[in-house]
């Protein structure tokens, strides 16, 4: 049955047993995340180099209560890391609503004399009503457009100048 072992050194420690395919890493003594305690398989406890490291004061067995406390600290630390990662991911997302790019058609006059230009334009959805949708060819006509209600819908229309009616 695995036993809990603590690293007593100030810095991280790594122990490998290539014959049994075991490699463990401990953080330094007193690690706040509890990573200074690791469960060690029985095969490693039979390793002469590992028992010598324990005799030299690099590692020490810990009681089951200490091991449970370390595991609890590790769980809290991992939960905090997951929460930080989720928070970082959410911070990269734009909270702005309706900021998609949409495609609209130019409402400038057609080059054939009737209808509208119809050239596709890409604009931000939330700013789509801020200015008339005019392609680069018709951009100079922006002053000729005004918002008006047409059939119950507010839309951009081209203002025309007509001769004054006489009475």
Foldseek 3Di string as FASTA:
>chain_A
DWFKKFFAAQAKDWDDDVVVGDIAIAGGPPPQLLRRIDTDDPVLVPDPVSVVCVVVPRMDTDDPVSVVVSVVSNVVVVVVVVVVVVVVVVVPDDPDPQQDKDKDFAQPCPPVGDGGPGHIDIDGRVCCQVFHRHDPVCPVQRVQWDWDQDPNDTDIDGHDDDDDDDD
